[in-house]
Amino acid sequence: MNTEINKIKQLIKQGEGIEVEFKESNGSLTRSVFETICAFLNRKGGTILLGVADDGKITGVNEDTLQAQLDTLARDMNNPQIISPTFFLSTDVVEVDRKKIIRIFVPESSQPHTYKGAYYDRKEDGDFKLANQHLITNLFLRKQDGYTENKVFPYLRMEDFETELFDIVRNLVRLTRADHPWINMTNEEILISARMKLRDSYTGKEGYTLAAALVFGKENTIASVLPHFKTDALCRKEDVERYDDRDDIRCNLMRSYSRLLAFIRKYLPDRFYLEGNQRMSIRELIFREAVANLLVHREFSNAYPATMTIYKTEVVMENWNRPYMMGRINLGNLKPHPKNPTIANVFKQIGWVEELGSGVRKMYKYCPIYVNGALPVIEEGDVFKITLKYEKDDIVNDIVNDIVNDIVNEPVNIPVNGGVRKNGPVNDRVSGPVNGPVNDRVNGPVNDGVNETLSENEVSIISLLKVTPGMNREEISISINRGRTSVYRYITSLKEKGLIEFRGAPKTGGYYIVIEKKEEK
């Protein structure tokens, strides 16, 4: 939570601007909150801090009305007469200086939005209402140019879509919300409500969009609007040059989602986890998020195929991307951006994804439980890449395993569901450092360069970097359940002993094991 408090304080210190807005709380959400939300959606997105005055003074939100304000926000954002088209927002409550602040993250939207029928935009000095048609037209042009999913195909007809999928959607939204408006809509009305029927601002022609074709389209429909579209599922457990099994998927995104999960279930072990009183499948929790991300957040204009490859111990997913940053994504630098908000909204409505950023948080929570201590590796660039462990690596002759087993008989702490689980002694036969000669290439570097025992926390870090190389300090802190200052001290000690080093840029790099160095000399 200290990290979140620091983020809030940094935003307050930065002050209001084109992507930051402060609002005082008077017991209920005011009109100006929704005007700012609408403006952020129409511009570059931003963060609203509810409970902070314009001058940066923290006034806080009254705890008696806090939940009611959150409920009002969720309800009104899903009411097309308030915000149109509707949009789901991510919120959290952070306590700063003993006062509660509601933080509302508003991503940039792919579509123009209105608040009570009026368009709003954002400048450095605040929100403003678009009062003439010229400004509104420019907003539509800007939005349509920015997102491939909004491309209009005037020749598409309702017969180009799979009728059965609309019934599936109605059944799924009923599970998430009994009074969901899509339940009683016609197929065409669902597409219109989902903003999948638009007017091309250049030609003036109206039609169904690429998003509509990708979510609901028949295979022939998709082939006509996006010939290069496909998702490749490969199993390379044994034959890494070619493949053991393959599913060449060219159907719509809803069908693709089911086929990719079926492929995962075919080759990956299932492990169950008790959360509260509920028995849950860890595999499903992790890979539902990862598969949805692979399908929903790719850039469809590029012919680079989305791939999901199952190797002997890990799954690697790759798709073409329009990056908002370059490098490794972690909980510290996570700032969700919608890549295809219209498609993401459909997946959200049917319960296949939650709010932006929740998938990354879930993977960070459950991956270390699925494979002891293994965090996801998420890299953003022109190609977006996620690497997820499902088995431990072969450690028969592993250097790091020797260090952990031979140097110290210590338990390794791994966070589980907010607590700490101890895995017990690494090796019951070893109770201290190895003093005698060992015919092992690790023994030399360790004894020559580090004439002391590694601490329990240092062993934990070595173990984590063995499973997930490239972790940064914050990720290590979360994994071993220790504060950032303490982790800095452990890392410094390991660096001084020549066991690890930092590689990469300061903001996106991480730590790697370098025990081989002395042997190479």
Protein backbone atom coordinates (compact mmCIF):
# COMPACT_ATOMS: atom_id res chain seq x y z
CA MET A 1 0.00 0.00 0.00
CA ASN A 2 2.98 2.32 0.59
CA THR A 3 3.57 2.29 -3.15
CA GLU A 4 -0.03 3.38 -3.81
CA ILE A 5 0.23 6.16 -1.21
CA ASN A 6 3.42 7.40 -2.85
CA LYS A 7 1.72 7.40 -6.26
CA ILE A 8 -1.16 9.49 -4.89
CA LYS A 9 1.19 11.95 -3.22
CA GLN A 10 3.23 12.26 -6.41
CA LEU A 11 0.08 13.06 -8.41
CA ILE A 12 -0.94 15.68 -5.84
CA LYS A 13 2.55 17.20 -5.94
CA GLN A 14 2.41 17.24 -9.75
CA GLY A 15 -0.88 19.16 -9.64
CA GLU A 16 -3.83 19.24 -11.99
CA GLY A 17 -3.25 19.01 -15.72
CA ILE A 18 -4.53 17.43 -18.89
CA GLU A 19 -4.44 13.93 -17.30
CA VAL A 20 -4.97 14.74 -13.59
CA GLU A 21 -8.03 16.25 -11.88
CA PHE A 22 -8.77 16.89 -8.19
CA LYS A 23 -12.34 16.88 -6.86
CA GLU A 24 -13.62 17.59 -3.37
CA SER A 25 -16.22 15.22 -1.98
CA ASN A 26 -19.45 16.75 -0.71
CA GLY A 27 -21.19 13.51 0.12
CA SER A 28 -22.33 12.74 -3.43
CA LEU A 29 -20.91 12.68 -6.95
CA THR A 30 -21.34 16.05 -8.66
CA ARG A 31 -22.01 16.80 -12.30
CA SER A 32 -18.40 17.98 -12.73
CA VAL A 33 -17.07 14.48 -11.93
CA PHE A 34 -18.92 13.02 -14.89
CA GLU A 35 -17.95 15.93 -17.14
CA THR A 36 -14.29 15.18 -16.36
CA ILE A 37 -14.79 11.45 -16.95
CA CYS A 38 -16.35 12.22 -20.34
CA ALA A 39 -13.52 14.62 -21.21
CA PHE A 40 -10.84 12.11 -20.21
CA LEU A 41 -12.50 9.37 -22.30
CA ASN A 42 -12.54 11.71 -25.30
CA ARG A 43 -8.95 12.93 -24.89
CA LYS A 44 -5.96 10.98 -23.49
CA GLY A 45 -7.46 9.44 -20.37
CA GLY A 46 -6.45 10.44 -16.86
CA THR A 47 -6.84 10.06 -13.11
CA ILE A 48 -9.42 11.72 -10.87
CA LEU A 49 -8.65 12.02 -7.15
CA LEU A 50 -11.91 12.42 -5.27
CA GLY A 51 -11.25 13.93 -1.85
CA VAL A 52 -8.55 16.39 -2.89
CA ALA A 53 -9.09 20.17 -3.25
CA ASP A 54 -7.94 22.16 -6.29
CA ASP A 55 -4.90 23.42 -4.35
CA GLY A 56 -3.83 19.84 -3.52
CA LYS A 57 -5.08 19.82 0.07
CA ILE A 58 -6.34 16.36 1.07
CA THR A 59 -9.89 16.83 2.34
CA GLY A 60 -10.89 13.17 2.17
CA VAL A 61 -14.15 11.38 1.44
CA ASN A 62 -16.68 10.91 4.21
CA GLU A 63 -16.63 7.21 5.06
CA ASP A 64 -20.39 7.25 5.65
CA THR A 65 -20.99 8.12 1.98
CA LEU A 66 -17.96 6.46 0.39
CA GLN A 67 -19.63 3.21 -0.68
CA ALA A 68 -22.72 5.06 -1.92
CA GLN A 69 -20.52 7.21 -4.16
CA LEU A 70 -18.76 4.14 -5.57
CA ASP A 71 -22.14 2.51 -6.23
CA THR A 72 -23.45 5.66 -7.93
CA LEU A 73 -20.38 5.83 -10.16
CA ALA A 74 -20.73 2.19 -11.25
CA ARG A 75 -24.47 2.55 -11.87
CA ASP A 76 -24.32 5.83 -13.80
CA MET A 77 -21.37 4.74 -15.95
CA ASN A 78 -23.54 1.85 -17.10
CA ASN A 79 -26.53 4.11 -17.85
CA PRO A 80 -26.53 5.25 -21.51
CA GLN A 81 -28.66 8.28 -20.57
CA ILE A 82 -25.80 9.51 -18.37
CA ILE A 83 -22.66 8.38 -20.25
CA SER A 84 -23.08 7.22 -23.83
CA PRO A 85 -21.74 4.80 -24.85
CA THR A 86 -21.46 3.28 -21.40
CA PHE A 87 -18.02 2.55 -20.02
CA PHE A 88 -16.67 0.51 -17.10
CA LEU A 89 -14.14 2.31 -14.89
CA SER A 90 -11.52 1.04 -12.47
CA THR A 91 -11.61 2.62 -8.99
CA ASP A 92 -9.85 2.06 -5.70
CA VAL A 93 -9.82 3.64 -2.26
CA VAL A 94 -6.47 4.73 -0.79
CA GLU A 95 -5.92 6.09 2.69
CA VAL A 96 -3.47 9.01 2.74
CA ASP A 97 -2.69 10.92 5.93
CA ARG A 98 -5.62 9.15 7.64
CA LYS A 99 -8.09 10.35 5.02
CA LYS A 100 -9.78 8.26 2.33
CA ILE A 101 -9.33 9.19 -1.33
CA ILE A 102 -11.24 7.61 -4.20
CA ARG A 103 -8.96 7.20 -7.20
CA ILE A 104 -10.78 6.87 -10.52
CA PHE A 105 -8.66 5.75 -13.47
CA VAL A 106 -10.21 6.77 -16.79
CA PRO A 107 -8.54 5.28 -19.89
CA GLU A 108 -8.61 6.85 -23.32
CA SER A 109 -11.58 5.48 -25.25
CA SER A 110 -11.70 4.50 -28.89
CA GLN A 111 -15.09 6.19 -29.26
CA PRO A 112 -16.55 9.66 -28.68
CA HIS A 113 -18.62 9.81 -25.49
CA THR A 114 -21.33 12.16 -24.27
CA TYR A 115 -22.45 13.16 -20.81
CA LYS A 116 -26.21 13.74 -20.83
CA GLY A 117 -26.11 14.28 -24.59
CA ALA A 118 -23.17 16.73 -24.65
CA TYR A 119 -19.58 16.09 -25.80
CA TYR A 120 -16.71 17.20 -23.57
CA ASP A 121 -12.97 17.49 -24.21
CA ARG A 122 -9.94 18.25 -22.06
CA LYS A 123 -7.36 21.02 -21.99
CA GLU A 124 -4.59 21.80 -19.51
CA ASP A 125 -6.89 24.15 -17.59
CA GLY A 126 -9.85 21.75 -17.37
CA ASP A 127 -12.90 20.36 -19.17
CA PHE A 128 -14.84 22.16 -21.86
CA LYS A 129 -18.06 21.43 -23.69
CA LEU A 130 -17.86 21.05 -27.48
CA ALA A 131 -20.26 23.75 -28.58
CA ASN A 132 -20.06 23.54 -32.37
CA GLN A 133 -20.23 20.83 -35.02
CA HIS A 134 -16.69 21.48 -36.25
CA LEU A 135 -15.19 20.49 -32.89
CA ILE A 136 -17.44 17.45 -32.64
CA THR A 137 -16.45 16.34 -36.17
CA ASN A 138 -12.76 16.66 -35.26
CA LEU A 139 -13.36 14.48 -32.20
CA PHE A 140 -14.94 11.75 -34.35
CA LEU A 141 -12.10 11.96 -36.88
CA ARG A 142 -9.49 11.68 -34.15
CA LYS A 143 -11.15 8.65 -32.60
CA GLN A 144 -11.76 6.84 -35.86
CA ASP A 145 -8.18 7.33 -37.00
CA GLY A 146 -6.81 6.03 -33.73
CA TYR A 147 -8.34 2.55 -33.48
CA THR A 148 -8.34 -0.13 -36.14
CA GLU A 149 -11.42 -1.77 -34.61
CA ASN A 150 -13.55 1.24 -35.65
CA LYS A 151 -13.01 0.79 -39.39
CA VAL A 152 -16.43 0.78 -41.09
CA PHE A 153 -17.45 -1.84 -43.67
CA PRO A 154 -20.71 -0.56 -45.28
CA TYR A 155 -21.26 -3.80 -47.21
CA LEU A 156 -21.58 -6.02 -44.10
CA ARG A 157 -25.08 -7.32 -43.35
CA MET A 158 -26.62 -9.15 -40.40
CA GLU A 159 -26.35 -12.44 -42.27
CA ASP A 160 -22.55 -12.03 -42.12
CA PHE A 161 -22.64 -12.67 -38.36
CA GLU A 162 -23.16 -15.90 -36.39
CA THR A 163 -26.72 -15.76 -35.07
CA GLU A 164 -25.97 -18.31 -32.34
CA LEU A 165 -23.37 -16.04 -30.75
CA PHE A 166 -25.94 -13.36 -29.94
CA ASP A 167 -27.94 -15.91 -27.93
CA ILE A 168 -24.75 -16.94 -26.14
CA VAL A 169 -24.06 -13.29 -25.31
CA ARG A 170 -27.57 -12.84 -23.89
CA ASN A 171 -27.14 -15.87 -21.66
CA LEU A 172 -23.71 -14.72 -20.46
CA VAL A 173 -24.73 -11.13 -19.65
CA ARG A 174 -27.71 -12.48 -17.72
CA LEU A 175 -25.23 -14.22 -15.41
CA THR A 176 -23.37 -10.98 -14.75
CA ARG A 177 -26.48 -8.79 -14.41
CA ALA A 178 -30.07 -10.02 -14.33
CA ASP A 179 -31.46 -6.79 -15.82
CA HIS A 180 -28.78 -6.27 -18.47
CA PRO A 181 -30.29 -4.30 -21.39
CA TRP A 182 -28.83 -6.65 -24.02
CA ILE A 183 -31.08 -9.49 -22.80
CA ASN A 184 -34.16 -8.05 -24.50
CA MET A 185 -32.44 -6.46 -27.52
CA THR A 186 -32.46 -7.78 -31.06
CA ASN A 187 -29.17 -8.88 -32.60
CA GLU A 188 -28.83 -5.60 -34.48
CA GLU A 189 -29.67 -3.57 -31.39
CA ILE A 190 -26.87 -5.32 -29.49
CA LEU A 191 -24.38 -4.29 -32.19
CA ILE A 192 -25.63 -0.71 -32.10
CA SER A 193 -25.54 -0.59 -28.30
CA ALA A 194 -21.98 -1.98 -28.34
CA ARG A 195 -20.95 0.82 -30.78
CA MET A 196 -20.21 -1.71 -33.52
CA LYS A 197 -22.27 0.17 -36.09
CA LEU A 198 -20.79 3.58 -36.90
CA ARG A 199 -20.74 6.24 -39.59
CA ASP A 200 -17.50 6.70 -41.53
CA SER A 201 -16.54 10.35 -41.02
CA TYR A 202 -14.73 10.49 -44.38
CA THR A 203 -17.28 8.87 -46.66
CA GLY A 204 -20.44 9.50 -44.64
CA LYS A 205 -21.43 5.86 -45.08
CA GLU A 206 -22.78 3.88 -42.16
CA GLY A 207 -21.92 0.26 -41.50
CA TYR A 208 -20.76 -2.42 -39.14
CA THR A 209 -17.20 -2.16 -37.91
CA LEU A 210 -14.16 -4.41 -37.87
CA ALA A 211 -14.90 -5.00 -34.17
CA ALA A 212 -18.33 -6.40 -35.07
CA ALA A 213 -16.80 -8.74 -37.66
CA LEU A 214 -14.06 -9.94 -35.31
CA VAL A 215 -16.38 -10.65 -32.38
CA PHE A 216 -19.47 -12.02 -34.16
CA GLY A 217 -18.44 -12.66 -37.78
CA LYS A 218 -18.50 -15.92 -39.70
CA GLU A 219 -15.15 -17.21 -40.92
CA ASN A 220 -15.84 -16.04 -44.49
CA THR A 221 -16.77 -12.60 -43.16
CA ILE A 222 -13.50 -12.28 -41.26
CA ALA A 223 -11.52 -13.50 -44.26
CA SER A 224 -13.09 -10.76 -46.39
CA VAL A 225 -12.43 -7.85 -44.00
CA LEU A 226 -9.07 -9.01 -42.55
CA PRO A 227 -7.48 -11.74 -44.72
CA HIS A 228 -4.33 -12.05 -42.60
CA PHE A 229 -6.20 -12.64 -39.32
CA LYS A 230 -5.32 -15.81 -37.41
CA THR A 231 -4.23 -17.04 -34.00
CA ASP A 232 -1.71 -19.88 -33.85
CA ALA A 233 -1.75 -22.32 -30.91
CA LEU A 234 1.33 -24.56 -30.79
CA CYS A 235 2.56 -27.29 -28.46
CA ARG A 236 6.35 -27.64 -28.52
CA LYS A 237 7.08 -29.74 -25.48
CA GLU A 238 9.16 -32.27 -27.43
CA ASP A 239 9.58 -30.99 -31.00
CA VAL A 240 10.75 -27.41 -30.47
CA GLU A 241 11.78 -26.95 -34.09
CA ARG A 242 8.34 -27.74 -35.51
CA TYR A 243 5.56 -28.72 -33.11
CA ASP A 244 3.89 -31.63 -31.36
CA ASP A 245 0.39 -30.26 -31.97
CA ARG A 246 -1.16 -27.19 -33.56
CA ASP A 247 -4.48 -25.39 -33.84
CA ASP A 248 -4.59 -22.83 -36.67
CA ILE A 249 -7.46 -20.61 -35.50
CA ARG A 250 -9.14 -18.25 -38.00
CA CYS A 251 -12.60 -17.94 -36.46
CA ASN A 252 -14.10 -14.98 -34.55
CA LEU A 253 -12.77 -13.91 -31.17
CA MET A 254 -15.51 -15.60 -29.14
CA ARG A 255 -14.85 -18.96 -30.80
CA SER A 256 -11.09 -18.35 -30.59
CA TYR A 257 -11.33 -17.80 -26.83
CA SER A 258 -12.93 -21.23 -26.33
CA ARG A 259 -10.47 -23.02 -28.63
CA LEU A 260 -7.40 -21.50 -27.00
CA LEU A 261 -8.62 -22.46 -23.52
CA ALA A 262 -9.34 -25.98 -24.77
CA PHE A 263 -5.75 -26.18 -26.06
CA ILE A 264 -4.45 -25.03 -22.65
CA ARG A 265 -6.57 -27.62 -20.83
CA LYS A 266 -5.29 -30.35 -23.12
CA TYR A 267 -1.61 -29.83 -22.28
CA LEU A 268 -1.32 -28.01 -18.95
CA PRO A 269 -1.84 -29.53 -15.49
CA ASP A 270 -4.70 -28.28 -13.37
CA ARG A 271 -4.00 -27.32 -9.77
CA PHE A 272 -6.66 -26.36 -7.30
CA TYR A 273 -6.54 -23.69 -4.65
CA LEU A 274 -8.78 -22.95 -1.68
CA GLU A 275 -9.65 -19.25 -1.55
CA GLY A 276 -11.80 -18.78 1.52
CA ASN A 277 -14.22 -21.69 1.32
CA GLN A 278 -14.17 -21.88 -2.48
CA ARG A 279 -12.10 -24.43 -4.39
CA MET A 280 -10.71 -22.76 -7.52
CA SER A 281 -8.71 -23.87 -10.54
CA ILE A 282 -5.47 -21.89 -10.62
CA ARG A 283 -4.93 -22.81 -14.28
CA GLU A 284 -8.30 -21.29 -15.23
CA LEU A 285 -7.76 -18.14 -13.18
CA ILE A 286 -4.44 -17.43 -14.88
CA PHE A 287 -5.05 -18.51 -18.46
CA ARG A 288 -8.54 -17.03 -18.86
CA GLU A 289 -6.91 -13.66 -18.27
CA ALA A 290 -3.92 -14.38 -20.50
CA VAL A 291 -6.01 -15.71 -23.40
CA ALA A 292 -8.44 -12.78 -23.20
CA ASN A 293 -5.50 -10.39 -23.26
CA LEU A 294 -4.01 -12.12 -26.32
CA LEU A 295 -7.28 -11.72 -28.24
CA VAL A 296 -8.61 -8.39 -27.04
CA HIS A 297 -5.54 -6.17 -26.87
CA ARG A 298 -3.73 -6.98 -30.12
CA GLU A 299 -3.28 -4.55 -33.01
CA PHE A 300 -5.25 -6.08 -35.88
CA SER A 301 -3.93 -3.86 -38.67
CA ASN A 302 -0.60 -5.73 -38.71
CA ALA A 303 -0.29 -9.17 -40.33
CA TYR A 304 1.88 -10.44 -37.45
CA PRO A 305 -0.07 -13.46 -36.15
CA ALA A 306 -0.97 -13.83 -32.50
CA THR A 307 0.69 -16.96 -31.13
CA MET A 308 0.34 -19.09 -28.01
CA THR A 309 3.17 -21.61 -27.66
CA ILE A 310 3.35 -24.27 -24.97
CA TYR A 311 6.94 -25.29 -24.21
CA LYS A 312 8.18 -27.87 -21.71
CA THR A 313 7.85 -25.62 -18.65
CA GLU A 314 6.23 -22.39 -19.85
CA VAL A 315 3.65 -20.81 -22.13
CA VAL A 316 4.62 -17.84 -24.31
CA MET A 317 1.98 -15.58 -25.86
CA GLU A 318 2.82 -12.91 -28.44
CA ASN A 319 0.77 -10.43 -30.45
CA TRP A 320 1.40 -7.25 -32.42
CA ASN A 321 0.93 -4.15 -30.33
CA ARG A 322 0.72 -0.37 -30.27
CA PRO A 323 2.97 0.22 -27.24
CA TYR A 324 2.38 2.94 -24.66
CA MET A 325 5.76 2.14 -23.06
CA MET A 326 8.75 -0.04 -23.86
CA GLY A 327 10.07 -2.73 -21.57
CA ARG A 328 8.84 -4.96 -18.81
CA ILE A 329 5.47 -4.30 -17.15
CA ASN A 330 5.10 -4.83 -13.41
CA LEU A 331 2.67 -3.76 -10.71
CA GLY A 332 4.77 -0.67 -10.03
CA ASN A 333 4.63 0.81 -13.54
CA LEU A 334 1.29 -0.68 -14.65
CA LYS A 335 -0.86 1.96 -16.34
CA PRO A 336 -3.62 0.21 -18.29
CA HIS A 337 -4.48 1.51 -21.75
CA PRO A 338 -7.29 0.16 -23.91
CA LYS A 339 -6.00 -1.19 -27.22
CA ASN A 340 -9.45 -2.14 -28.56
CA PRO A 341 -11.98 -0.69 -26.08
CA THR A 342 -15.07 -1.73 -28.06
CA ILE A 343 -14.02 -5.38 -28.21
CA ALA A 344 -12.85 -5.26 -24.59
CA ASN A 345 -16.24 -3.89 -23.56
CA VAL A 346 -18.07 -6.89 -25.06
CA PHE A 347 -15.72 -9.29 -23.25
CA LYS A 348 -16.28 -7.32 -20.06
CA GLN A 349 -20.07 -7.37 -20.42
CA ILE A 350 -20.12 -11.17 -20.82
CA GLY A 351 -17.80 -11.65 -17.84
CA TRP A 352 -14.69 -12.83 -19.68
CA VAL A 353 -12.56 -9.86 -18.55
CA GLU A 354 -12.85 -7.37 -15.74
CA GLU A 355 -11.60 -3.81 -15.51
CA LEU A 356 -8.41 -2.69 -17.24
CA GLY A 357 -5.32 -3.89 -15.43
CA SER A 358 -7.11 -6.56 -13.40
CA GLY A 359 -5.69 -9.35 -15.58
CA VAL A 360 -2.10 -8.38 -14.81
CA ARG A 361 -2.88 -8.16 -11.10
CA LYS A 362 -4.52 -11.60 -11.17
CA MET A 363 -1.55 -13.15 -12.92
CA TYR A 364 0.82 -11.64 -10.33
CA LYS A 365 -1.39 -13.02 -7.57
CA TYR A 366 -1.93 -16.56 -8.84
CA CYS A 367 1.19 -17.43 -10.89
CA PRO A 368 3.39 -17.86 -7.77
CA ILE A 369 0.78 -20.32 -6.46
CA TYR A 370 0.54 -22.28 -9.73
CA VAL A 371 4.34 -22.68 -9.81
CA ASN A 372 6.06 -21.92 -6.53
CA GLY A 373 7.47 -18.38 -6.71
CA ALA A 374 7.10 -17.92 -10.48
CA LEU A 375 5.88 -14.45 -11.46
CA PRO A 376 4.63 -13.64 -14.96
CA VAL A 377 7.03 -11.93 -17.33
CA ILE A 378 5.13 -9.26 -19.29
CA GLU A 379 7.01 -7.24 -21.92
CA GLU A 380 5.58 -4.37 -23.96
CA GLY A 381 7.02 -3.33 -27.29
CA ASP A 382 5.94 -3.59 -30.91
CA VAL A 383 5.32 -7.21 -29.96
CA PHE A 384 3.50 -7.70 -26.65
CA LYS A 385 4.80 -10.84 -24.91
CA ILE A 386 3.65 -12.75 -21.83
CA THR A 387 5.63 -15.70 -20.42
CA LEU A 388 3.90 -17.89 -17.83
CA LYS A 389 5.49 -20.85 -16.03
CA TYR A 390 3.41 -23.99 -15.53
CA GLU A 391 6.22 -26.32 -14.37
CA LYS A 392 9.56 -25.78 -12.67
CA ASP A 393 12.64 -25.95 -14.86
CA ASP A 394 14.85 -29.06 -14.83
CA ILE A 395 17.15 -28.53 -11.86
CA VAL A 396 19.24 -31.71 -11.89
CA ASN A 397 22.44 -29.85 -12.77
CA ASP A 398 21.30 -26.34 -12.12
CA ILE A 399 23.87 -23.99 -10.66
CA VAL A 400 21.45 -21.97 -8.61
CA ASN A 401 19.78 -25.05 -7.17
CA ASP A 402 23.18 -26.18 -5.94
CA ILE A 403 23.71 -22.84 -4.24
CA VAL A 404 20.34 -22.97 -2.52
CA ASN A 405 20.68 -26.60 -1.42
CA ASP A 406 24.36 -26.63 -0.50
CA ILE A 407 24.77 -23.29 1.22
CA VAL A 408 21.89 -23.16 3.64
CA ASN A 409 18.99 -25.19 4.98
CA GLU A 410 16.47 -22.39 4.99
CA PRO A 411 12.74 -22.10 4.16
CA VAL A 412 11.74 -19.88 1.28
CA ASN A 413 8.84 -17.51 1.81
CA ILE A 414 6.37 -17.16 -1.03
CA PRO A 415 3.31 -14.86 -0.84
CA VAL A 416 -0.03 -16.66 -1.14
CA ASN A 417 -3.32 -14.79 -1.15
CA GLY A 418 -2.01 -11.92 0.91
CA GLY A 419 -0.13 -14.12 3.42
CA VAL A 420 3.11 -16.06 3.49
CA ARG A 421 3.52 -19.75 2.87
CA LYS A 422 6.77 -21.49 3.83
CA ASN A 423 7.95 -24.30 1.64
CA GLY A 424 9.95 -25.95 4.39
CA PRO A 425 13.65 -26.79 4.30
CA VAL A 426 15.21 -26.84 0.90
CA ASN A 427 17.27 -29.85 1.82
CA ASP A 428 16.80 -31.57 5.17
CA ARG A 429 20.22 -33.15 5.02
CA VAL A 430 22.02 -29.80 4.90
CA SER A 431 21.93 -27.61 8.00
CA GLY A 432 24.61 -25.07 7.22
CA PRO A 433 27.22 -23.96 4.72
CA VAL A 434 29.31 -26.54 2.93
CA ASN A 435 32.76 -26.50 4.50
CA GLY A 436 34.31 -29.51 2.91
CA PRO A 437 35.56 -29.74 -0.65
CA VAL A 438 32.85 -30.32 -3.22
CA ASN A 439 33.63 -31.30 -6.78
CA ASP A 440 31.13 -28.82 -8.14
CA ARG A 441 31.78 -25.81 -10.33
CA VAL A 442 29.64 -23.67 -8.03
CA ASN A 443 31.65 -24.47 -4.90
CA GLY A 444 34.68 -22.54 -6.10
CA PRO A 445 32.97 -19.21 -6.85
CA VAL A 446 30.92 -19.39 -3.67
CA ASN A 447 33.75 -20.29 -1.27
CA ASP A 448 36.36 -18.08 -2.91
CA GLY A 449 34.18 -15.03 -3.29
CA VAL A 450 31.64 -15.33 -0.47
CA ASN A 451 33.09 -16.73 2.74
CA GLU A 452 29.80 -16.44 4.58
CA THR A 453 26.34 -17.98 4.67
CA LEU A 454 23.51 -16.49 2.66
CA SER A 455 20.62 -15.19 4.76
CA GLU A 456 17.15 -16.65 4.46
CA ASN A 457 15.96 -13.65 2.45
CA GLU A 458 18.97 -13.80 0.12
CA VAL A 459 18.23 -17.47 -0.54
CA SER A 460 14.63 -16.51 -1.29
CA ILE A 461 15.78 -13.93 -3.83
CA ILE A 462 18.19 -16.37 -5.50
CA SER A 463 15.35 -18.92 -5.76
CA LEU A 464 12.98 -16.37 -7.27
CA LEU A 465 15.50 -15.18 -9.85
CA LYS A 466 16.13 -18.80 -10.78
CA VAL A 467 12.43 -19.22 -11.61
CA THR A 468 11.77 -15.69 -12.91
CA PRO A 469 14.93 -13.88 -14.04
CA GLY A 470 14.72 -10.15 -14.63
CA MET A 471 12.53 -9.28 -11.63
CA ASN A 472 12.84 -5.72 -10.36
CA ARG A 473 13.09 -4.66 -6.73
CA GLU A 474 9.37 -4.09 -6.29
CA GLU A 475 8.49 -7.51 -7.70
CA ILE A 476 11.03 -9.14 -5.38
CA SER A 477 9.60 -7.17 -2.46
CA ILE A 478 6.09 -8.46 -3.21
CA SER A 479 7.29 -12.04 -3.70
CA ILE A 480 9.22 -12.42 -0.43
CA ASN A 481 6.85 -10.21 1.56
CA ARG A 482 9.55 -7.77 2.66
CA GLY A 483 9.76 -3.97 2.47
CA ARG A 484 11.52 -2.18 -0.36
CA THR A 485 14.27 -0.86 1.93
CA SER A 486 15.02 -4.34 3.27
CA VAL A 487 15.00 -5.79 -0.24
CA TYR A 488 17.42 -3.09 -1.37
CA ARG A 489 19.77 -4.22 1.41
CA TYR A 490 19.51 -7.91 0.41
CA ILE A 491 20.06 -7.10 -3.26
CA THR A 492 23.08 -4.94 -2.45
CA SER A 493 24.57 -7.80 -0.43
CA LEU A 494 24.02 -10.30 -3.26
CA LYS A 495 25.55 -7.89 -5.78
CA GLU A 496 28.59 -7.41 -3.55
CA LYS A 497 28.96 -11.20 -3.36
CA GLY A 498 28.93 -11.35 -7.14
CA LEU A 499 25.82 -13.52 -7.31
CA ILE A 500 23.43 -11.18 -9.12
CA GLU A 501 23.56 -8.09 -11.29
CA PHE A 502 21.12 -5.52 -12.72
CA ARG A 503 20.62 -5.49 -16.48
CA GLY A 504 18.65 -3.08 -18.64
CA ALA A 505 17.31 0.44 -18.27
CA PRO A 506 16.69 1.76 -14.72
CA LYS A 507 12.89 1.81 -15.10
CA THR A 508 12.36 -1.42 -17.02
CA GLY A 509 15.38 -3.61 -16.22
CA GLY A 510 15.77 -6.30 -13.59
CA TYR A 511 18.12 -8.59 -11.68
CA TYR A 512 19.77 -11.72 -13.04
CA ILE A 513 21.97 -14.46 -11.58
CA VAL A 514 25.64 -14.18 -12.64
CA ILE A 515 27.25 -16.98 -10.62
CA GLU A 516 29.02 -18.21 -13.76
CA LYS A 517 31.26 -15.15 -13.91
CA LYS A 518 34.17 -16.43 -11.84
CA GLU A 519 34.19 -19.77 -13.56
CA GLU A 520 34.51 -18.05 -16.93
CA LYS A 521 37.58 -16.16 -15.69
